[in-house]
Amino acid sequence: EIACVERLALDAGLRLAAARKRVTALNHAPSPVAAAVHQPGAGGGGAAAQPHSVRALLKPGQVFKGSIKIPVKAEHADDNFAKRTAYDLFVVRHFEDVYGRERTLVKHSAHNDEQMCVLTADPPRAAATAATAGQCEPLRLRYFDFETVLTGTADLAERTLSGSVAQLDFGEEGYRVTNDGATFELNRVKDDLADRPGFDEAVQELVAAETDYAFLVVLYYYVNSFPFVLQYTQPHPVLAVTVPIFERVIDTVSEFNAILLHHAKRFEQVVFRTQEEKDLALSRLKDAGVCRSVAQECWDATIWLSSVAYVRVSSTCEGRAQLICRQRKHVTHCRAQLAYNRFDRALRELEERVPLSSIRIMRCFPAQARAGEHDAQCCICLSSLAEPGDEVEDNTATASDFEPDLLPDAPGSPFAETADLAARDGSFDKESSGSSVKTACGHLFHFECVRRWLHNHDTCPQCRSAVAGAL
């Protein structure tokens, strides 16, 4: 088995060399006469040409540089962390998620901290006025990591990204802070190589080859160190865990974290209209491999292999390089645990989400709620049900609170038939405004007070009795 892994690693090394050769060959290829992304309004100016401009702007291997100001509380305004600092963004690859939407994996860094994010971009909409005919509105985009949520626009003509920043302040409560000066600005770095035909495919092939080679080399040392190996095999001289290999393994763990956060955000947005719709969505998720068991297996594998990579690389480097590797491993592992915890919590809340049809069954109006009751009160706000309930203020802004996805999921995907929070808040909330909710256990609530609880729980907030199961 050790020999088999060694052979696989050597073959992956050959594929990596070929991928690097392909990228190098692009340096000597003739420069394109004109790249559409360099010309404002290129592609005919029509809406149909815009997706090609978007992919050209955010093509894999492209680098953006600029600045960012992280929002902090007033008492920390003088800290170095609150000052505007250099900010970089690197486009890793495009991919289609299990919901049938195209996403972009990016890596951004500021304040010596680097994280992977899943960037979502909404297609630009054609201008409606005659004065701007033939033009399109700026491309809207958003991406987030553990601490930061960034929302803004991309100017296709100027090749720039800009927008606002919200920062996690109290981690346990999920509070975020933002202010008018908390913004980011990025300019695409002019790169003739990036504009050559076939560059993005070559970069994605190179990243995949680097990942395969890095994990197979680490797996080779991992298998070679098993206790049941009768005799330690002398490592192949070509197969060595170097700092670049360690960095590639850590980047893959960071990518895994970003994917888990992406799923958690999607779970938080979904609203089920009926129980049948909910059962179908959960079944499709399981069939697509989006479940706890698969996430746990991936988590175990990435943590173990990145730990082996650190052990091997720490024996070959020392001083500052070793310290940086140790810090990256520790921070990435902590974030991996946080990512899985958030994924698990969001999935549990999704499984417990009360469909709108069940809430309609429980819904009654103040006159009905007061029938046979003396001065009926809401069990949450303790005010009379005869008075409209106050919207419960919720400062625990998650990523789903910032610009929910506007595109429908692809047909057949897990949430193709479901609604988002925006749809629920726009129609059902308006219909139910001023009404009350009476659970099977007899407790009464203003609809405005209990709606967020029922979005994440299937129990009564007063006595914790089952809500959906009792109907």
Protein backbone atom coordinates (compact mmCIF):
# COMPACT_ATOMS: atom_id res chain seq x y z
CA GLU A 1 0.00 0.00 0.00
CA ILE A 2 2.90 2.34 0.69
CA ALA A 3 4.30 1.60 -2.77
CA CYS A 4 0.87 2.28 -4.30
CA VAL A 5 0.60 5.69 -2.63
CA GLU A 6 4.18 6.45 -3.65
CA ARG A 7 3.36 5.66 -7.29
CA LEU A 8 0.23 7.82 -7.16
CA ALA A 9 2.23 10.71 -5.67
CA LEU A 10 4.93 10.44 -8.35
CA ASP A 11 2.27 10.39 -11.09
CA ALA A 12 0.65 13.47 -9.52
CA GLY A 13 4.06 15.14 -9.59
CA LEU A 14 4.29 14.52 -13.33
CA ARG A 15 0.83 16.03 -13.85
CA LEU A 16 1.88 19.04 -11.76
CA ALA A 17 5.00 19.52 -13.88
CA ALA A 18 2.87 19.38 -17.04
CA ALA A 19 0.43 21.94 -15.62
CA ARG A 20 3.27 24.29 -14.73
CA LYS A 21 4.72 23.86 -18.21
CA ARG A 22 1.39 24.82 -19.75
CA VAL A 23 1.19 28.02 -17.68
CA THR A 24 4.80 28.86 -18.55
CA ALA A 25 4.07 28.33 -22.25
CA LEU A 26 1.43 31.03 -22.08
CA ASN A 27 4.19 33.53 -21.33
CA HIS A 28 5.60 32.97 -24.80
CA ALA A 29 2.28 32.92 -26.62
CA PRO A 30 1.37 35.95 -28.78
CA SER A 31 -0.34 38.67 -26.78
CA PRO A 32 -4.06 39.07 -27.57
CA VAL A 33 -4.75 42.01 -29.83
CA ALA A 34 -7.56 43.32 -27.63
CA ALA A 35 -9.10 41.87 -24.50
CA ALA A 36 -12.77 42.68 -24.13
CA VAL A 37 -12.36 43.33 -20.43
CA HIS A 38 -9.94 46.17 -21.19
CA GLN A 39 -12.50 48.10 -23.20
CA PRO A 40 -15.32 49.87 -21.32
CA GLY A 41 -18.66 48.53 -22.54
CA ALA A 42 -16.97 45.83 -24.65
CA GLY A 43 -18.99 42.90 -25.91
CA GLY A 44 -21.55 44.97 -27.77
CA GLY A 45 -22.93 46.64 -24.66
CA GLY A 46 -25.87 44.23 -24.57
CA ALA A 47 -26.98 42.26 -21.55
CA ALA A 48 -26.24 38.98 -23.33
CA ALA A 49 -22.51 39.82 -23.52
CA GLN A 50 -22.19 40.80 -19.91
CA PRO A 51 -21.67 37.30 -18.40
CA HIS A 52 -18.54 36.92 -20.52
CA SER A 53 -17.23 40.20 -19.12
CA VAL A 54 -18.00 39.05 -15.59
CA ARG A 55 -16.06 35.83 -16.04
CA ALA A 56 -13.21 37.80 -17.61
CA LEU A 57 -13.11 40.16 -14.65
CA LEU A 58 -13.19 37.37 -12.04
CA LYS A 59 -11.19 34.80 -13.96
CA PRO A 60 -9.07 32.29 -11.99
CA GLY A 61 -5.57 33.54 -11.27
CA GLN A 62 -6.58 37.20 -11.38
CA VAL A 63 -5.30 39.42 -8.56
CA PHE A 64 -6.96 42.52 -7.08
CA LYS A 65 -5.17 44.95 -4.80
CA GLY A 66 -6.46 47.86 -2.78
CA SER A 67 -7.33 48.84 0.77
CA ILE A 68 -9.88 48.06 3.46
CA LYS A 69 -11.04 49.62 6.71
CA ILE A 70 -12.40 47.20 9.29
CA PRO A 71 -15.20 48.65 11.47
CA VAL A 72 -14.64 48.60 15.22
CA LYS A 73 -16.39 49.99 18.27
CA ALA A 74 -15.78 53.63 19.17
CA GLU A 75 -13.50 52.81 22.10
CA HIS A 76 -11.15 50.94 19.76
CA ALA A 77 -10.99 53.66 17.11
CA ASP A 78 -7.30 54.35 17.80
CA ASP A 79 -6.15 50.74 17.42
CA ASN A 80 -4.01 49.79 14.44
CA PHE A 81 -6.67 47.26 13.46
CA ALA A 82 -9.11 50.14 12.89
CA LYS A 83 -6.87 51.92 10.37
CA ARG A 84 -7.19 51.47 6.62
CA THR A 85 -4.73 48.85 5.49
CA ALA A 86 -3.61 46.99 2.38
CA TYR A 87 -6.10 44.45 1.07
CA ASP A 88 -5.58 41.70 -1.55
CA LEU A 89 -7.97 39.33 -3.29
CA PHE A 90 -7.03 36.35 -5.44
CA VAL A 91 -9.55 34.49 -7.63
CA VAL A 92 -9.02 30.75 -7.17
CA ARG A 93 -11.67 29.06 -9.34
CA HIS A 94 -15.29 28.99 -10.49
CA PHE A 95 -17.59 26.16 -9.51
CA GLU A 96 -21.26 25.22 -9.51
CA ASP A 97 -22.68 24.37 -6.10
CA VAL A 98 -25.30 21.72 -5.35
CA TYR A 99 -27.99 24.41 -5.65
CA GLY A 100 -27.21 24.90 -9.33
CA ARG A 101 -25.68 28.37 -8.95
CA GLU A 102 -22.30 29.48 -10.20
CA ARG A 103 -19.97 30.63 -7.44
CA THR A 104 -16.41 31.92 -7.31
CA LEU A 105 -13.89 30.78 -4.74
CA VAL A 106 -11.60 33.65 -3.72
CA LYS A 107 -8.82 34.14 -1.21
CA HIS A 108 -8.56 37.52 0.50
CA SER A 109 -6.03 38.83 3.00
CA ALA A 110 -5.57 41.85 5.25
CA HIS A 111 -3.80 42.45 8.58
CA ASN A 112 -1.64 39.35 7.90
CA ASP A 113 -4.73 37.15 7.96
CA GLU A 114 -5.73 35.07 4.93
CA GLN A 115 -9.04 33.26 4.39
CA MET A 116 -11.00 31.59 1.61
CA CYS A 117 -14.49 32.85 0.73
CA VAL A 118 -17.29 31.86 -1.62
CA LEU A 119 -18.13 34.95 -3.68
CA THR A 120 -21.61 35.32 -5.13
CA ALA A 121 -22.23 37.73 -7.99
CA ASP A 122 -25.66 38.64 -9.34
CA PRO A 123 -25.78 39.24 -13.10
CA PRO A 124 -26.04 42.94 -14.01
CA ARG A 125 -29.47 44.18 -14.96
CA ALA A 126 -30.01 46.22 -18.11
CA ALA A 127 -30.74 49.88 -17.58
CA ALA A 128 -34.38 50.86 -17.99
CA THR A 129 -34.00 54.52 -18.94
CA ALA A 130 -33.38 55.78 -22.45
CA ALA A 131 -30.47 57.94 -21.26
CA THR A 132 -28.57 54.83 -20.19
CA ALA A 133 -29.80 52.50 -22.92
CA GLY A 134 -27.29 49.81 -23.80
CA GLN A 135 -25.64 50.03 -20.38
CA CYS A 136 -25.97 47.78 -17.35
CA GLU A 137 -26.08 48.42 -13.65
CA PRO A 138 -22.93 47.50 -11.68
CA LEU A 139 -22.52 43.85 -10.83
CA ARG A 140 -23.61 43.20 -7.24
CA LEU A 141 -21.42 40.88 -5.22
CA ARG A 142 -21.01 39.62 -1.68
CA TYR A 143 -18.67 37.30 0.20
CA PHE A 144 -17.90 36.60 3.83
CA ASP A 145 -15.62 34.68 6.16
CA PHE A 146 -15.80 33.97 9.89
CA GLU A 147 -15.47 37.58 11.00
CA THR A 148 -16.16 39.81 8.02
CA VAL A 149 -19.08 40.33 5.64
CA LEU A 150 -18.36 42.31 2.45
CA THR A 151 -21.10 43.53 0.12
CA GLY A 152 -20.67 45.84 -2.83
CA THR A 153 -20.46 46.15 -6.58
CA ALA A 154 -18.05 45.42 -9.40
CA ASP A 155 -17.51 47.96 -12.14
CA LEU A 156 -16.92 45.89 -15.27
CA ALA A 157 -15.61 48.82 -17.30
CA GLU A 158 -13.15 50.09 -14.68
CA ARG A 159 -12.28 46.61 -13.41
CA THR A 160 -12.79 47.58 -9.77
CA LEU A 161 -14.56 46.13 -6.72
CA SER A 162 -15.86 48.27 -3.87
CA GLY A 163 -18.39 48.17 -1.08
CA SER A 164 -19.06 48.12 2.66
CA VAL A 165 -17.68 45.97 5.47
CA ALA A 166 -19.33 44.53 8.58
CA GLN A 167 -17.16 42.95 11.26
CA LEU A 168 -17.96 40.39 13.95
CA ASP A 169 -17.60 42.03 17.37
CA PHE A 170 -19.07 39.68 19.95
CA GLY A 171 -18.43 36.21 18.60
CA GLU A 172 -20.69 34.24 20.94
CA GLU A 173 -23.69 36.49 20.36
CA GLY A 174 -22.99 37.04 16.66
CA TYR A 175 -23.13 40.85 16.86
CA ARG A 176 -21.57 42.74 13.97
CA VAL A 177 -20.52 46.37 13.79
CA THR A 178 -20.34 48.62 10.77
CA ASN A 179 -20.05 52.32 10.03
CA ASP A 180 -19.92 54.69 7.07
CA GLY A 181 -16.13 54.63 6.84
CA ALA A 182 -15.88 50.84 6.82
CA THR A 183 -15.34 50.15 3.13
CA PHE A 184 -13.10 48.20 0.77
CA GLU A 185 -11.70 49.22 -2.60
CA LEU A 186 -9.96 46.86 -5.02
CA ASN A 187 -8.40 47.40 -8.44
CA ARG A 188 -7.62 44.60 -10.80
CA VAL A 189 -3.88 44.21 -11.32
CA LYS A 190 -3.06 44.52 -15.01
CA ASP A 191 -1.66 41.18 -16.11
CA ASP A 192 -1.12 40.44 -19.79
CA LEU A 193 -0.73 36.75 -18.95
CA ALA A 194 -4.15 36.66 -17.29
CA ASP A 195 -5.75 38.03 -20.45
CA ARG A 196 -4.33 35.36 -22.72
CA PRO A 197 -6.79 32.75 -24.05
CA GLY A 198 -6.82 29.60 -21.97
CA PHE A 199 -5.20 31.21 -18.92
CA ASP A 200 -8.08 30.57 -16.52
CA GLU A 201 -8.31 26.90 -17.55
CA ALA A 202 -4.55 26.54 -17.10
CA VAL A 203 -4.68 28.09 -13.63
CA GLN A 204 -7.52 25.85 -12.48
CA GLU A 205 -5.67 22.81 -13.82
CA LEU A 206 -2.52 23.93 -12.00
CA VAL A 207 -4.34 24.45 -8.69
CA ALA A 208 -5.97 21.02 -8.97
CA ALA A 209 -2.62 19.39 -9.76
CA GLU A 210 -0.95 21.15 -6.82
CA THR A 211 -3.72 20.00 -4.48
CA ASP A 212 -3.55 16.37 -5.68
CA TYR A 213 0.22 16.27 -5.38
CA ALA A 214 0.29 17.92 -1.95
CA PHE A 215 -2.26 15.57 -0.41
CA LEU A 216 -0.72 12.44 -1.94
CA VAL A 217 2.73 13.39 -0.64
CA VAL A 218 1.32 14.01 2.84
CA LEU A 219 -0.72 10.78 2.63
CA TYR A 220 2.48 8.95 1.69
CA TYR A 221 4.17 10.04 4.92
CA TYR A 222 0.97 9.43 6.88
CA VAL A 223 0.70 5.80 5.70
CA ASN A 224 4.43 5.27 6.15
CA SER A 225 4.16 6.20 9.83
CA PHE A 226 1.32 3.78 10.73
CA PRO A 227 2.09 1.68 13.84
CA PHE A 228 1.34 -1.58 11.99
CA VAL A 229 4.00 -0.92 9.34
CA LEU A 230 6.55 -3.64 10.03
CA GLN A 231 9.49 -1.76 8.64
CA TYR A 232 9.79 1.97 8.05
CA THR A 233 10.31 2.66 4.37
CA GLN A 234 12.95 5.18 3.47
CA PRO A 235 11.04 8.15 1.93
CA HIS A 236 11.46 8.66 -1.78
CA PRO A 237 13.98 11.49 -2.35
CA VAL A 238 11.58 13.37 -4.63
CA LEU A 239 8.64 13.23 -2.22
CA ALA A 240 9.24 15.85 0.46
CA VAL A 241 6.77 18.01 2.38
CA THR A 242 7.96 21.53 1.61
CA VAL A 243 6.47 24.84 2.72
CA PRO A 244 4.53 25.27 -0.58
CA ILE A 245 2.99 21.82 -0.11
CA PHE A 246 2.05 22.69 3.47
CA GLU A 247 0.50 25.96 2.27
CA ARG A 248 -1.53 24.10 -0.37
CA VAL A 249 -2.87 21.67 2.25
CA ILE A 250 -3.80 24.55 4.57
CA ASP A 251 -5.51 26.36 1.68
CA THR A 252 -7.58 23.24 1.03
CA VAL A 253 -8.68 23.15 4.69
CA SER A 254 -9.59 26.84 4.38
CA GLU A 255 -11.57 26.04 1.21
CA PHE A 256 -13.44 23.33 3.11
CA ASN A 257 -14.26 25.90 5.80
CA ALA A 258 -15.61 28.33 3.18
CA ILE A 259 -17.84 25.64 1.64
CA LEU A 260 -19.30 24.74 5.05
CA LEU A 261 -20.05 28.41 5.76
CA HIS A 262 -21.63 28.70 2.31
CA HIS A 263 -24.00 25.82 3.09
CA ALA A 264 -24.80 27.25 6.53
CA LYS A 265 -25.73 30.60 4.98
CA ARG A 266 -27.99 28.89 2.46
CA PHE A 267 -29.71 26.90 5.21
CA GLU A 268 -30.41 30.08 7.16
CA GLN A 269 -32.18 31.66 4.20
CA VAL A 270 -34.60 28.89 3.30
CA VAL A 271 -38.30 29.04 4.19
CA PHE A 272 -40.55 26.02 3.66
CA ARG A 273 -44.14 26.58 2.57
CA THR A 274 -45.37 23.03 3.35
CA GLN A 275 -44.15 19.95 5.20
CA GLU A 276 -43.96 18.04 1.90
CA GLU A 277 -41.67 20.73 0.49
CA LYS A 278 -39.46 20.46 3.57
CA ASP A 279 -39.22 16.65 3.37
CA LEU A 280 -38.31 16.83 -0.33
CA ALA A 281 -35.58 19.43 0.27
CA LEU A 282 -34.00 17.46 3.14
CA SER A 283 -34.07 14.27 1.04
CA ARG A 284 -32.36 16.04 -1.87
CA LEU A 285 -29.71 17.46 0.43
CA LYS A 286 -28.88 13.99 1.70
CA ASP A 287 -28.73 12.59 -1.83
CA ALA A 288 -26.32 15.41 -2.78
CA GLY A 289 -24.00 14.48 0.09
CA VAL A 290 -24.71 17.63 2.11
CA CYS A 291 -25.07 15.98 5.50
CA ARG A 292 -23.27 15.67 8.82
CA SER A 293 -21.62 12.33 8.14
CA VAL A 294 -19.93 13.50 4.92
CA ALA A 295 -18.91 16.82 6.49
CA GLN A 296 -17.45 14.97 9.48
CA GLU A 297 -15.46 12.60 7.27
CA CYS A 298 -14.04 15.52 5.28
CA TRP A 299 -13.25 17.38 8.49
CA ASP A 300 -11.38 14.39 9.95
CA ALA A 301 -9.38 13.86 6.76
CA THR A 302 -8.33 17.48 6.32
CA ILE A 303 -7.38 17.93 9.98
CA TRP A 304 -5.32 14.74 10.12
CA LEU A 305 -3.48 15.36 6.86
CA SER A 306 -2.77 19.02 7.64
CA SER A 307 -1.38 17.94 11.03
CA VAL A 308 0.92 15.43 9.32
CA ALA A 309 1.99 18.12 6.85
CA TYR A 310 2.88 20.45 9.72
CA VAL A 311 4.92 17.78 11.51
CA ARG A 312 6.92 17.11 8.37
CA VAL A 313 7.45 20.73 7.34
CA SER A 314 8.37 21.86 10.87
CA SER A 315 11.33 19.48 10.78
CA THR A 316 12.72 21.14 7.66
CA CYS A 317 12.28 24.81 8.54
CA GLU A 318 13.08 26.87 11.61
CA GLY A 319 12.79 30.33 13.07
CA ARG A 320 10.17 32.66 11.63
CA ALA A 321 9.10 30.20 8.90
CA GLN A 322 8.33 27.53 11.48
CA LEU A 323 6.43 30.02 13.63
CA ILE A 324 4.28 31.12 10.67
CA CYS A 325 3.49 27.50 9.78
CA ARG A 326 2.50 26.75 13.37
CA GLN A 327 0.25 29.81 13.55
CA ARG A 328 -1.45 29.02 10.24
CA LYS A 329 -2.12 25.42 11.28
CA HIS A 330 -3.56 26.47 14.65
CA VAL A 331 -5.78 29.23 13.27
CA THR A 332 -7.03 27.11 10.36
CA HIS A 333 -7.86 24.18 12.64
CA CYS A 334 -9.78 26.45 15.01
CA ARG A 335 -11.75 27.88 12.09
CA ALA A 336 -12.43 24.37 10.80
CA GLN A 337 -14.06 23.50 14.11
CA LEU A 338 -16.09 26.73 14.07
CA ALA A 339 -17.16 26.10 10.47
CA TYR A 340 -18.38 22.61 11.24
CA ASN A 341 -20.19 23.83 14.36
CA ARG A 342 -22.00 26.51 12.36
CA PHE A 343 -22.85 24.03 9.59
CA ASP A 344 -24.21 21.57 12.14
CA ARG A 345 -26.25 24.24 13.94
CA ALA A 346 -27.69 25.61 10.68
CA LEU A 347 -28.61 22.11 9.50
CA ARG A 348 -30.35 21.32 12.80
CA GLU A 349 -32.30 24.57 12.59
CA LEU A 350 -33.24 23.71 9.01
CA GLU A 351 -34.53 20.30 10.14
CA GLU A 352 -36.56 21.95 12.91
CA ARG A 353 -37.93 24.79 10.75
CA VAL A 354 -41.72 25.14 10.98
CA PRO A 355 -43.34 25.39 7.51
CA LEU A 356 -45.56 28.38 6.78
CA SER A 357 -48.59 26.10 6.40
CA SER A 358 -48.18 25.00 10.03
CA ILE A 359 -47.92 28.59 11.21
CA ARG A 360 -51.13 29.40 9.33
CA ILE A 361 -52.91 26.62 11.24
CA MET A 362 -51.76 28.10 14.53
CA ARG A 363 -52.55 31.67 13.51
CA CYS A 364 -55.51 33.48 15.01
CA PHE A 365 -56.51 37.13 15.32
CA PRO A 366 -56.69 39.16 18.55
CA ALA A 367 -60.48 38.88 18.89
CA GLN A 368 -60.29 35.10 18.57
CA ALA A 369 -57.33 34.90 20.94
CA ARG A 370 -59.19 36.85 23.63
CA ALA A 371 -62.33 34.73 23.39
CA GLY A 372 -62.70 32.98 26.76
CA GLU A 373 -59.45 34.52 27.98
CA HIS A 374 -59.05 37.33 30.46
CA ASP A 375 -56.59 39.92 29.26
CA ALA A 376 -54.62 37.46 27.14
CA GLN A 377 -50.94 38.33 26.92
CA CYS A 378 -48.11 37.42 24.60
CA CYS A 379 -45.80 34.99 26.42
CA ILE A 380 -42.73 36.71 24.96
CA CYS A 381 -43.29 40.46 25.28
CA LEU A 382 -45.95 40.16 28.04
CA SER A 383 -48.08 42.85 26.39
CA SER A 384 -51.75 42.45 25.57
CA LEU A 385 -52.65 40.56 22.41
CA ALA A 386 -55.14 43.33 21.68
CA GLU A 387 -52.15 45.54 20.90
CA PRO A 388 -49.90 44.88 17.93
CA GLY A 389 -46.68 43.16 18.85
CA ASP A 390 -43.36 44.90 18.48
CA GLU A 391 -40.90 43.57 15.97
CA VAL A 392 -38.24 41.84 18.04
CA GLU A 393 -34.96 43.61 17.45
CA ASP A 394 -32.29 41.16 16.46
CA ASN A 395 -28.70 42.34 16.26
CA THR A 396 -27.29 38.90 15.61
CA ALA A 397 -26.68 39.67 11.95
CA THR A 398 -25.57 36.58 10.12
CA ALA A 399 -24.36 36.46 6.55
CA SER A 400 -27.91 35.73 5.39
CA ASP A 401 -29.03 39.14 6.63
CA PHE A 402 -26.87 40.84 4.02
CA GLU A 403 -28.37 40.77 0.53
CA PRO A 404 -29.91 37.29 0.19
CA ASP A 405 -29.44 35.53 -3.13
CA LEU A 406 -31.81 36.81 -5.78
CA LEU A 407 -31.40 34.03 -8.34
CA PRO A 408 -33.63 30.94 -8.10
CA ASP A 409 -31.97 27.59 -7.55
CA ALA A 410 -31.67 25.29 -10.52
CA PRO A 411 -34.56 22.84 -11.15
CA GLY A 412 -34.05 19.61 -9.24
CA SER A 413 -31.66 21.16 -6.70
CA PRO A 414 -32.42 20.75 -2.97
CA PHE A 415 -34.14 24.13 -2.57
CA ALA A 416 -35.57 24.60 -6.07
CA GLU A 417 -39.16 24.84 -4.83
CA THR A 418 -38.54 26.73 -1.58
CA ALA A 419 -38.69 30.44 -0.79
CA ASP A 420 -36.03 32.71 0.66
CA LEU A 421 -36.35 34.96 3.67
CA ALA A 422 -37.07 37.92 1.41
CA ALA A 423 -40.10 36.19 -0.11
CA ARG A 424 -41.42 35.16 3.31
CA ASP A 425 -40.96 38.63 4.76
CA GLY A 426 -42.60 40.29 1.77
CA SER A 427 -45.86 38.34 1.52
CA PHE A 428 -46.63 36.14 4.48
CA ASP A 429 -45.49 38.69 7.07
CA LYS A 430 -47.71 41.37 5.56
CA GLU A 431 -50.63 38.96 5.54
CA SER A 432 -50.07 37.94 9.17
CA SER A 433 -49.28 41.39 10.58
CA GLY A 434 -51.33 42.08 13.71
CA SER A 435 -52.36 38.45 14.19
CA SER A 436 -51.47 36.07 16.99
CA VAL A 437 -50.17 32.52 17.14
CA LYS A 438 -51.59 29.90 19.49
CA THR A 439 -49.61 26.68 19.84
CA ALA A 440 -51.13 23.25 20.54
CA CYS A 441 -49.99 23.58 24.15
CA GLY A 442 -52.19 26.67 24.54
CA HIS A 443 -49.58 29.44 24.70
CA LEU A 444 -50.26 32.70 22.86
CA PHE A 445 -47.81 34.96 21.07
CA HIS A 446 -47.79 37.95 18.79
CA PHE A 447 -46.86 36.76 15.33
CA GLU A 448 -44.13 39.41 15.21
CA CYS A 449 -42.66 38.07 18.47
CA VAL A 450 -42.61 34.37 17.64
CA ARG A 451 -41.84 34.27 13.92
CA ARG A 452 -38.03 34.27 14.25
CA TRP A 453 -38.16 31.55 16.89
CA LEU A 454 -40.27 29.31 14.63
CA HIS A 455 -37.79 29.87 11.80
CA ASN A 456 -35.13 28.00 13.80
CA HIS A 457 -37.12 25.79 16.22
CA ASP A 458 -40.06 23.41 16.12
CA THR A 459 -40.93 23.81 19.80
CA CYS A 460 -43.00 26.26 21.84
CA PRO A 461 -40.71 29.04 23.15
CA GLN A 462 -42.57 28.95 26.47
CA CYS A 463 -42.71 25.26 27.42
CA ARG A 464 -40.61 23.62 24.66
CA SER A 465 -43.45 21.33 23.63
CA ALA A 466 -43.34 20.10 20.04
CA VAL A 467 -45.10 22.46 17.65
CA ALA A 468 -45.02 20.75 14.27
CA GLY A 469 -45.51 17.24 15.63
CA ALA A 470 -48.60 18.24 17.64
CA LEU A 471 -50.51 19.58 14.64
